Amino acid sequence: LYFVACISKEENELITLEVIHLFVEVLDRYFGNVCELDIIFNFHKAYYILDELLIGGNLQEPSKKEILRVCQQQEDFMEESKEDLFVRPRTTTR
């Protein structure tokens, strides 16, 4: 995987590398040995993980376990929403 990050002269490159490394570790745990195809076909999940990790370019949550827990909750919520759409019978009013 290749990542590109733009930072100013005042910012620390090592912190940026650590954030990228943390993102890759979380992706690896979430997808299980992440590869390019995981990100291509599940880009919305990768963006959700990145949104949990960073806000406004700043590290929001450094805990891998917490990020994975929140992402799993989101996944469960989405599955329940899909099931509700297909399980509920339509009611017609006349």
PDB file of N, CA and C in Angstrom:
ATOM      1  N   LEU A   1       0.832  -1.176   0.000  1.00  0.00           N
ATOM      2  CA  LEU A   1       0.000   0.000   0.000  1.00  0.00           C
ATOM      3  C   LEU A   1       0.878   1.242   0.000  1.00  0.00           C
ATOM      4  N   TYR A   2       0.448   2.267  -0.705  1.00  0.00           N
ATOM      5  CA  TYR A   2       1.161   3.534  -0.746  1.00  0.00           C
ATOM      6  C   TYR A   2       0.253   4.624  -0.195  1.00  0.00           C
ATOM      7  N   PHE A   3       0.814   5.513   0.588  1.00  0.00           N
ATOM      8  CA  PHE A   3       0.072   6.616   1.169  1.00  0.00           C
ATOM      9  C   PHE A   3       0.798   7.914   0.869  1.00  0.00           C
ATOM     10  N   VAL A   4       0.025   8.977   0.683  1.00  0.00           N
ATOM     11  CA  VAL A   4       0.573  10.304   0.447  1.00  0.00           C
ATOM     12  C   VAL A   4       0.025  11.221   1.532  1.00  0.00           C
ATOM     13  N   ALA A   5       0.902  11.994   2.146  1.00  0.00           N
ATOM     14  CA  ALA A   5       0.487  12.949   3.167  1.00  0.00           C
ATOM     15  C   ALA A   5       1.158  14.283   2.886  1.00  0.00           C
ATOM     16  N   CYS A   6       0.389  15.343   2.959  1.00  0.00           N
ATOM     17  CA  CYS A   6       0.924  16.694   2.777  1.00  0.00           C
ATOM     18  C   CYS A   6       0.957  17.377   4.136  1.00  0.00           C
ATOM     19  N   ILE A   7       2.126  17.852   4.507  1.00  0.00           N
ATOM     20  CA  ILE A   7       2.272  18.545   5.785  1.00  0.00           C
ATOM     21  C   ILE A   7       3.081  19.819   5.566  1.00  0.00           C
ATOM     22  N   SER A   8       2.950  20.736   6.499  1.00  0.00           N
ATOM     23  CA  SER A   8       3.711  21.986   6.403  1.00  0.00           C
ATOM     24  C   SER A   8       5.111  21.789   6.969  1.00  0.00           C
ATOM     25  N   LYS A   9       5.951  22.803   6.781  1.00  0.00           N
ATOM     26  CA  LYS A   9       7.333  22.732   7.277  1.00  0.00           C
ATOM     27  C   LYS A   9       7.394  22.637   8.794  1.00  0.00           C
ATOM     28  N   GLU A  10       6.418  23.216   9.456  1.00  0.00           N
ATOM     29  CA  GLU A  10       6.428  23.243  10.915  1.00  0.00           C
ATOM     30  C   GLU A  10       6.033  21.907  11.548  1.00  0.00           C
ATOM     31  N   GLU A  11       5.378  21.046  10.787  1.00  0.00           N
ATOM     32  CA  GLU A  11       4.890  19.785  11.351  1.00  0.00           C
ATOM     33  C   GLU A  11       5.980  18.727  11.378  1.00  0.00           C
ATOM     34  N   ASN A  12       5.815  17.779  12.261  1.00  0.00           N
ATOM     35  CA  ASN A  12       6.787  16.718  12.470  1.00  0.00           C
ATOM     36  C   ASN A  12       6.489  15.544  11.529  1.00  0.00           C
ATOM     37  N   GLU A  13       7.455  15.200  10.682  1.00  0.00           N
ATOM     38  CA  GLU A  13       7.268  14.107   9.728  1.00  0.00           C
ATOM     39  C   GLU A  13       7.115  12.761  10.424  1.00  0.00           C
ATOM     40  N   LEU A  14       7.796  12.589  11.555  1.00  0.00           N
ATOM     41  CA  LEU A  14       7.724  11.316  12.269  1.00  0.00           C
ATOM     42  C   LEU A  14       6.332  11.064  12.840  1.00  0.00           C
ATOM     43  N   ILE A  15       5.679  12.112  13.295  1.00  0.00           N
ATOM     44  CA  ILE A  15       4.309  11.953  13.791  1.00  0.00           C
ATOM     45  C   ILE A  15       3.388  11.555  12.646  1.00  0.00           C
ATOM     46  N   THR A  16       3.591  12.156  11.480  1.00  0.00           N
ATOM     47  CA  THR A  16       2.794  11.800  10.312  1.00  0.00           C
ATOM     48  C   THR A  16       3.014  10.341   9.939  1.00  0.00           C
ATOM     49  N   LEU A  17       4.251   9.888   9.970  1.00  0.00           N
ATOM     50  CA  LEU A  17       4.533   8.478   9.685  1.00  0.00           C
ATOM     51  C   LEU A  17       3.889   7.559  10.720  1.00  0.00           C
ATOM     52  N   GLU A  18       3.873   7.975  11.974  1.00  0.00           N
ATOM     53  CA  GLU A  18       3.230   7.176  13.025  1.00  0.00           C
ATOM     54  C   GLU A  18       1.722   7.085  12.811  1.00  0.00           C
ATOM     55  N   VAL A  19       1.101   8.181  12.378  1.00  0.00           N
ATOM     56  CA  VAL A  19      -0.337   8.170  12.106  1.00  0.00           C
ATOM     57  C   VAL A  19      -0.642   7.239  10.934  1.00  0.00           C
ATOM     58  N   ILE A  20       0.174   7.285   9.891  1.00  0.00           N
ATOM     59  CA  ILE A  20      -0.005   6.376   8.755  1.00  0.00           C
ATOM     60  C   ILE A  20       0.167   4.932   9.211  1.00  0.00           C
ATOM     61  N   HIS A  21       1.172   4.686  10.044  1.00  0.00           N
ATOM     62  CA  HIS A  21       1.412   3.338  10.557  1.00  0.00           C
ATOM     63  C   HIS A  21       0.224   2.852  11.396  1.00  0.00           C
ATOM     64  N   LEU A  22      -0.325   3.722  12.226  1.00  0.00           N
ATOM     65  CA  LEU A  22      -1.498   3.376  13.022  1.00  0.00           C
ATOM     66  C   LEU A  22      -2.686   3.057  12.124  1.00  0.00           C
ATOM     67  N   PHE A  23      -2.893   3.850  11.076  1.00  0.00           N
ATOM     68  CA  PHE A  23      -3.979   3.614  10.120  1.00  0.00           C
ATOM     69  C   PHE A  23      -3.823   2.246   9.463  1.00  0.00           C
ATOM     70  N   VAL A  24      -2.613   1.906   9.050  1.00  0.00           N
ATOM     71  CA  VAL A  24      -2.365   0.610   8.415  1.00  0.00           C
ATOM     72  C   VAL A  24      -2.603  -0.529   9.408  1.00  0.00           C
ATOM     73  N   GLU A  25      -2.180  -0.352  10.650  1.00  0.00           N
ATOM     74  CA  GLU A  25      -2.404  -1.396  11.658  1.00  0.00           C
ATOM     75  C   GLU A  25      -3.895  -1.625  11.901  1.00  0.00           C
ATOM     76  N   VAL A  26      -4.668  -0.544  11.963  1.00  0.00           N
ATOM     77  CA  VAL A  26      -6.111  -0.682  12.167  1.00  0.00           C
ATOM     78  C   VAL A  26      -6.754  -1.332  10.944  1.00  0.00           C
ATOM     79  N   LEU A  27      -6.354  -0.912   9.746  1.00  0.00           N
ATOM     80  CA  LEU A  27      -6.874  -1.544   8.531  1.00  0.00           C
ATOM     81  C   LEU A  27      -6.543  -3.028   8.508  1.00  0.00           C
ATOM     82  N   ASP A  28      -5.332  -3.364   8.912  1.00  0.00           N
ATOM     83  CA  ASP A  28      -4.894  -4.754   8.916  1.00  0.00           C
ATOM     84  C   ASP A  28      -5.725  -5.589   9.886  1.00  0.00           C
ATOM     85  N   ARG A  29      -6.003  -5.055  11.042  1.00  0.00           N
ATOM     86  CA  ARG A  29      -6.840  -5.782  12.009  1.00  0.00           C
ATOM     87  C   ARG A  29      -8.284  -5.879  11.536  1.00  0.00           C
ATOM     88  N   TYR A  30      -8.781  -4.820  10.923  1.00  0.00           N
ATOM     89  CA  TYR A  30     -10.182  -4.800  10.492  1.00  0.00           C
ATOM     90  C   TYR A  30     -10.415  -5.761   9.328  1.00  0.00           C
ATOM     91  N   PHE A  31      -9.555  -5.691   8.318  1.00  0.00           N
ATOM     92  CA  PHE A  31      -9.728  -6.525   7.133  1.00  0.00           C
ATOM     93  C   PHE A  31      -8.995  -7.857   7.234  1.00  0.00           C
ATOM     94  N   GLY A  32      -8.016  -7.952   8.102  1.00  0.00           N
ATOM     95  CA  GLY A  32      -7.206  -9.166   8.188  1.00  0.00           C
ATOM     96  C   GLY A  32      -6.247  -9.226   7.012  1.00  0.00           C
ATOM     97  N   ASN A  33      -5.018  -8.779   7.215  1.00  0.00           N
ATOM     98  CA  ASN A  33      -4.006  -8.709   6.158  1.00  0.00           C
ATOM     99  C   ASN A  33      -4.507  -7.872   4.977  1.00  0.00           C
ATOM    100  N   VAL A  34      -4.653  -6.585   5.205  1.00  0.00           N
ATOM    101  CA  VAL A  34      -5.231  -5.669   4.224  1.00  0.00           C
ATOM    102  C   VAL A  34      -4.396  -5.607   2.950  1.00  0.00           C
ATOM    103  N   CYS A  35      -5.093  -5.458   1.822  1.00  0.00           N
ATOM    104  CA  CYS A  35      -4.426  -5.266   0.532  1.00  0.00           C
ATOM    105  C   CYS A  35      -5.185  -4.182  -0.235  1.00  0.00           C
ATOM    106  N   GLU A  36      -4.694  -3.857  -1.416  1.00  0.00           N
ATOM    107  CA  GLU A  36      -5.297  -2.793  -2.215  1.00  0.00           C
ATOM    108  C   GLU A  36      -6.754  -3.096  -2.541  1.00  0.00           C
ATOM    109  N   LEU A  37      -7.070  -4.362  -2.813  1.00  0.00           N
ATOM    110  CA  LEU A  37      -8.439  -4.726  -3.180  1.00  0.00           C
ATOM    111  C   LEU A  37      -9.417  -4.496  -2.034  1.00  0.00           C
ATOM    112  N   ASP A  38      -8.963  -4.711  -0.811  1.00  0.00           N
ATOM    113  CA  ASP A  38      -9.830  -4.434   0.341  1.00  0.00           C
ATOM    114  C   ASP A  38     -10.231  -2.971   0.362  1.00  0.00           C
ATOM    115  N   ILE A  39      -9.282  -2.105   0.094  1.00  0.00           N
ATOM    116  CA  ILE A  39      -9.571  -0.671   0.117  1.00  0.00           C
ATOM    117  C   ILE A  39     -10.400  -0.263  -1.097  1.00  0.00           C
ATOM    118  N   ILE A  40     -10.133  -0.848  -2.249  1.00  0.00           N
ATOM    119  CA  ILE A  40     -10.895  -0.503  -3.453  1.00  0.00           C
ATOM    120  C   ILE A  40     -12.362  -0.885  -3.302  1.00  0.00           C
ATOM    121  N   PHE A  41     -12.622  -2.117  -2.854  1.00  0.00           N
ATOM    122  CA  PHE A  41     -14.001  -2.594  -2.773  1.00  0.00           C
ATOM    123  C   PHE A  41     -14.709  -2.194  -1.480  1.00  0.00           C
ATOM    124  N   ASN A  42     -13.974  -1.742  -0.505  1.00  0.00           N
ATOM    125  CA  ASN A  42     -14.562  -1.307   0.766  1.00  0.00           C
ATOM    126  C   ASN A  42     -14.050   0.076   1.146  1.00  0.00           C
ATOM    127  N   PHE A  43     -13.978   0.971   0.161  1.00  0.00           N
ATOM    128  CA  PHE A  43     -13.412   2.296   0.411  1.00  0.00           C
ATOM    129  C   PHE A  43     -14.201   3.054   1.464  1.00  0.00           C
ATOM    130  N   HIS A  44     -15.525   2.839   1.529  1.00  0.00           N
ATOM    131  CA  HIS A  44     -16.335   3.532   2.531  1.00  0.00           C
ATOM    132  C   HIS A  44     -15.940   3.105   3.944  1.00  0.00           C
ATOM    133  N   LYS A  45     -15.566   1.845   4.125  1.00  0.00           N
ATOM    134  CA  LYS A  45     -15.116   1.383   5.439  1.00  0.00           C
ATOM    135  C   LYS A  45     -13.743   1.968   5.771  1.00  0.00           C
ATOM    136  N   ALA A  46     -12.870   2.040   4.769  1.00  0.00           N
ATOM    137  CA  ALA A  46     -11.542   2.622   4.990  1.00  0.00           C
ATOM    138  C   ALA A  46     -11.664   4.105   5.350  1.00  0.00           C
ATOM    139  N   TYR A  47     -12.575   4.821   4.686  1.00  0.00           N
ATOM    140  CA  TYR A  47     -12.795   6.230   5.021  1.00  0.00           C
ATOM    141  C   TYR A  47     -13.386   6.372   6.418  1.00  0.00           C
ATOM    142  N   TYR A  48     -14.279   5.454   6.787  1.00  0.00           N
ATOM    143  CA  TYR A  48     -14.867   5.528   8.124  1.00  0.00           C
ATOM    144  C   TYR A  48     -13.792   5.326   9.188  1.00  0.00           C
ATOM    145  N   ILE A  49     -12.893   4.375   8.953  1.00  0.00           N
ATOM    146  CA  ILE A  49     -11.783   4.142   9.885  1.00  0.00           C
ATOM    147  C   ILE A  49     -10.903   5.384   9.969  1.00  0.00           C
ATOM    148  N   LEU A  50     -10.594   5.981   8.821  1.00  0.00           N
ATOM    149  CA  LEU A  50      -9.773   7.193   8.804  1.00  0.00           C
ATOM    150  C   LEU A  50     -10.470   8.340   9.532  1.00  0.00           C
ATOM    151  N   ASP A  51     -11.794   8.443   9.367  1.00  0.00           N
ATOM    152  CA  ASP A  51     -12.548   9.485  10.072  1.00  0.00           C
ATOM    153  C   ASP A  51     -12.546   9.268  11.582  1.00  0.00           C
ATOM    154  N   GLU A  52     -12.533   8.017  12.015  1.00  0.00           N
ATOM    155  CA  GLU A  52     -12.446   7.741  13.449  1.00  0.00           C
ATOM    156  C   GLU A  52     -11.055   8.068  13.985  1.00  0.00           C
ATOM    157  N   LEU A  53     -10.057   7.933  13.130  1.00  0.00           N
ATOM    158  CA  LEU A  53      -8.667   8.155  13.521  1.00  0.00           C
ATOM    159  C   LEU A  53      -8.302   9.640  13.536  1.00  0.00           C
ATOM    160  N   LEU A  54      -8.717  10.370  12.514  1.00  0.00           N
ATOM    161  CA  LEU A  54      -8.338  11.778  12.343  1.00  0.00           C
ATOM    162  C   LEU A  54      -9.561  12.674  12.222  1.00  0.00           C
ATOM    163  N   ILE A  55      -9.445  13.870  12.759  1.00  0.00           N
ATOM    164  CA  ILE A  55     -10.441  14.923  12.528  1.00  0.00           C
ATOM    165  C   ILE A  55      -9.671  16.208  12.280  1.00  0.00           C
ATOM    166  N   GLY A  56      -9.926  16.828  11.148  1.00  0.00           N
ATOM    167  CA  GLY A  56      -9.257  18.084  10.820  1.00  0.00           C
ATOM    168  C   GLY A  56      -7.749  17.964  10.764  1.00  0.00           C
ATOM    169  N   GLY A  57      -7.254  16.789  10.391  1.00  0.00           N
ATOM    170  CA  GLY A  57      -5.818  16.580  10.294  1.00  0.00           C
ATOM    171  C   GLY A  57      -5.134  16.281  11.614  1.00  0.00           C
ATOM    172  N   ASN A  58      -5.889  16.214  12.688  1.00  0.00           N
ATOM    173  CA  ASN A  58      -5.328  15.920  14.008  1.00  0.00           C
ATOM    174  C   ASN A  58      -5.772  14.544  14.472  1.00  0.00           C
ATOM    175  N   LEU A  59      -4.891  13.882  15.181  1.00  0.00           N
ATOM    176  CA  LEU A  59      -5.197  12.563  15.711  1.00  0.00           C
ATOM    177  C   LEU A  59      -6.314  12.676  16.737  1.00  0.00           C
ATOM    178  N   GLN A  60      -7.408  11.963  16.489  1.00  0.00           N
ATOM    179  CA  GLN A  60      -8.548  12.013  17.395  1.00  0.00           C
ATOM    180  C   GLN A  60      -8.512  10.864  18.390  1.00  0.00           C
ATOM    181  N   GLU A  61      -8.268   9.650  17.898  1.00  0.00           N
ATOM    182  CA  GLU A  61      -8.310   8.465  18.752  1.00  0.00           C
ATOM    183  C   GLU A  61      -7.077   7.605  18.509  1.00  0.00           C
ATOM    184  N   PRO A  62      -6.167   7.530  19.473  1.00  0.00           N
ATOM    185  CA  PRO A  62      -4.952   6.731  19.285  1.00  0.00           C
ATOM    186  C   PRO A  62      -5.123   5.247  19.605  1.00  0.00           C
ATOM    187  N   SER A  63      -6.259   4.858  20.190  1.00  0.00           N
ATOM    188  CA  SER A  63      -6.467   3.474  20.603  1.00  0.00           C
ATOM    189  C   SER A  63      -7.004   2.630  19.447  1.00  0.00           C
ATOM    190  N   LYS A  64      -6.240   1.615  19.046  1.00  0.00           N
ATOM    191  CA  LYS A  64      -6.684   0.726  17.972  1.00  0.00           C
ATOM    192  C   LYS A  64      -7.940  -0.030  18.371  1.00  0.00           C
ATOM    193  N   LYS A  65      -7.987  -0.472  19.622  1.00  0.00           N
ATOM    194  CA  LYS A  65      -9.153  -1.229  20.100  1.00  0.00           C
ATOM    195  C   LYS A  65     -10.420  -0.385  20.044  1.00  0.00           C
ATOM    196  N   GLU A  66     -10.320   0.871  20.431  1.00  0.00           N
ATOM    197  CA  GLU A  66     -11.487   1.748  20.430  1.00  0.00           C
ATOM    198  C   GLU A  66     -11.956   2.031  19.004  1.00  0.00           C
ATOM    199  N   ILE A  67     -11.029   2.257  18.102  1.00  0.00           N
ATOM    200  CA  ILE A  67     -11.388   2.497  16.701  1.00  0.00           C
ATOM    201  C   ILE A  67     -12.087   1.274  16.129  1.00  0.00           C
ATOM    202  N   LEU A  68     -11.544   0.090  16.382  1.00  0.00           N
ATOM    203  CA  LEU A  68     -12.151  -1.142  15.879  1.00  0.00           C
ATOM    204  C   LEU A  68     -13.518  -1.386  16.517  1.00  0.00           C
ATOM    205  N   ARG A  69     -13.665  -1.058  17.800  1.00  0.00           N
ATOM    206  CA  ARG A  69     -14.951  -1.246  18.478  1.00  0.00           C
ATOM    207  C   ARG A  69     -16.028  -0.357  17.852  1.00  0.00           C
ATOM    208  N   VAL A  70     -15.698   0.903  17.621  1.00  0.00           N
ATOM    209  CA  VAL A  70     -16.651   1.836  17.026  1.00  0.00           C
ATOM    210  C   VAL A  70     -16.983   1.425  15.592  1.00  0.00           C
ATOM    211  N   CYS A  71     -15.988   0.985  14.844  1.00  0.00           N
ATOM    212  CA  CYS A  71     -16.225   0.550  13.465  1.00  0.00           C
ATOM    213  C   CYS A  71     -17.100  -0.699  13.425  1.00  0.00           C
ATOM    214  N   GLN A  72     -16.914  -1.605  14.378  1.00  0.00           N
ATOM    215  CA  GLN A  72     -17.751  -2.804  14.444  1.00  0.00           C
ATOM    216  C   GLN A  72     -19.188  -2.438  14.805  1.00  0.00           C
ATOM    217  N   GLN A  73     -19.361  -1.467  15.693  1.00  0.00           N
ATOM    218  CA  GLN A  73     -20.705  -0.992  16.016  1.00  0.00           C
ATOM    219  C   GLN A  73     -21.379  -0.406  14.783  1.00  0.00           C
ATOM    220  N   GLN A  74     -20.635   0.364  14.008  1.00  0.00           N
ATOM    221  CA  GLN A  74     -21.170   0.942  12.777  1.00  0.00           C
ATOM    222  C   GLN A  74     -21.550  -0.157  11.796  1.00  0.00           C
ATOM    223  N   GLU A  75     -20.707  -1.173  11.673  1.00  0.00           N
ATOM    224  CA  GLU A  75     -20.979  -2.308  10.785  1.00  0.00           C
ATOM    225  C   GLU A  75     -22.257  -3.031  11.220  1.00  0.00           C
ATOM    226  N   ASP A  76     -22.407  -3.272  12.522  1.00  0.00           N
ATOM    227  CA  ASP A  76     -23.604  -3.934  13.046  1.00  0.00           C
ATOM    228  C   ASP A  76     -24.851  -3.097  12.789  1.00  0.00           C
ATOM    229  N   PHE A  77     -24.739  -1.790  12.991  1.00  0.00           N
ATOM    230  CA  PHE A  77     -25.863  -0.897  12.745  1.00  0.00           C
ATOM    231  C   PHE A  77     -26.281  -0.929  11.277  1.00  0.00           C
ATOM    232  N   MET A  78     -25.314  -0.919  10.383  1.00  0.00           N
ATOM    233  CA  MET A  78     -25.618  -0.960   8.949  1.00  0.00           C
ATOM    234  C   MET A  78     -26.297  -2.276   8.574  1.00  0.00           C
ATOM    235  N   GLU A  79     -25.837  -3.391   9.141  1.00  0.00           N
ATOM    236  CA  GLU A  79     -26.451  -4.690   8.861  1.00  0.00           C
ATOM    237  C   GLU A  79     -27.889  -4.729   9.363  1.00  0.00           C
ATOM    238  N   GLU A  80     -28.135  -4.197  10.567  1.00  0.00           N
ATOM    239  CA  GLU A  80     -29.493  -4.151  11.104  1.00  0.00           C
ATOM    240  C   GLU A  80     -30.390  -3.287  10.231  1.00  0.00           C
ATOM    241  N   SER A  81     -29.865  -2.173   9.744  1.00  0.00           N
ATOM    242  CA  SER A  81     -30.646  -1.284   8.886  1.00  0.00           C
ATOM    243  C   SER A  81     -31.016  -1.972   7.583  1.00  0.00           C
ATOM    244  N   LYS A  82     -30.071  -2.722   7.007  1.00  0.00           N
ATOM    245  CA  LYS A  82     -30.356  -3.450   5.771  1.00  0.00           C
ATOM    246  C   LYS A  82     -31.409  -4.517   6.003  1.00  0.00           C
ATOM    247  N   GLU A  83     -31.304  -5.232   7.130  1.00  0.00           N
ATOM    248  CA  GLU A  83     -32.284  -6.270   7.440  1.00  0.00           C
ATOM    249  C   GLU A  83     -33.667  -5.670   7.635  1.00  0.00           C
ATOM    250  N   ASP A  84     -33.751  -4.529   8.299  1.00  0.00           N
ATOM    251  CA  ASP A  84     -35.041  -3.879   8.526  1.00  0.00           C
ATOM    252  C   ASP A  84     -35.686  -3.461   7.213  1.00  0.00           C
ATOM    253  N   LEU A  85     -34.896  -3.056   6.253  1.00  0.00           N
ATOM    254  CA  LEU A  85     -35.450  -2.652   4.960  1.00  0.00           C
ATOM    255  C   LEU A  85     -36.080  -3.826   4.232  1.00  0.00           C
ATOM    256  N   PHE A  86     -35.489  -5.007   4.356  1.00  0.00           N
ATOM    257  CA  PHE A  86     -35.968  -6.163   3.619  1.00  0.00           C
ATOM    258  C   PHE A  86     -36.977  -7.001   4.398  1.00  0.00           C
ATOM    259  N   VAL A  87     -37.019  -6.889   5.709  1.00  0.00           N
ATOM    260  CA  VAL A  87     -37.885  -7.735   6.524  1.00  0.00           C
ATOM    261  C   VAL A  87     -39.247  -7.105   6.748  1.00  0.00           C
ATOM    262  N   ARG A  88     -39.311  -5.827   6.928  1.00  0.00           N
ATOM    263  CA  ARG A  88     -40.577  -5.160   7.233  1.00  0.00           C
ATOM    264  C   ARG A  88     -41.539  -5.255   6.052  1.00  0.00           C
ATOM    265  N   PRO A  89     -42.741  -5.744   6.312  1.00  0.00           N
ATOM    266  CA  PRO A  89     -43.729  -5.768   5.220  1.00  0.00           C
ATOM    267  C   PRO A  89     -44.269  -4.360   4.978  1.00  0.00           C
ATOM    268  N   ARG A  90     -44.602  -4.120   3.756  1.00  0.00           N
ATOM    269  CA  ARG A  90     -45.158  -2.811   3.410  1.00  0.00           C
ATOM    270  C   ARG A  90     -46.629  -2.771   3.807  1.00  0.00           C
ATOM    271  N   THR A  91     -47.028  -1.662   4.308  1.00  0.00           N
ATOM    272  CA  THR A  91     -48.442  -1.464   4.613  1.00  0.00           C
ATOM    273  C   THR A  91     -48.974  -0.438   3.634  1.00  0.00           C
ATOM    274  N   THR A  92     -50.108  -0.749   3.080  1.00  0.00           N
ATOM    275  CA  THR A  92     -50.704   0.179   2.119  1.00  0.00           C
ATOM    276  C   THR A  92     -51.927   0.808   2.746  1.00  0.00           C
ATOM    277  N   THR A  93     -52.109   2.044   2.463  1.00  0.00           N
ATOM    278  CA  THR A  93     -53.286   2.764   2.953  1.00  0.00           C
ATOM    279  C   THR A  93     -54.148   3.113   1.767  1.00  0.00           C
ATOM    280  N   ARG A  94     -55.425   2.959   1.980  1.00  0.00           N
ATOM    281  CA  ARG A  94     -56.355   3.284   0.889  1.00  0.00           C
ATOM    282  C   ARG A  94     -57.287   4.368   1.292  1.00  0.00           C
TER     283      ARG A  94
END
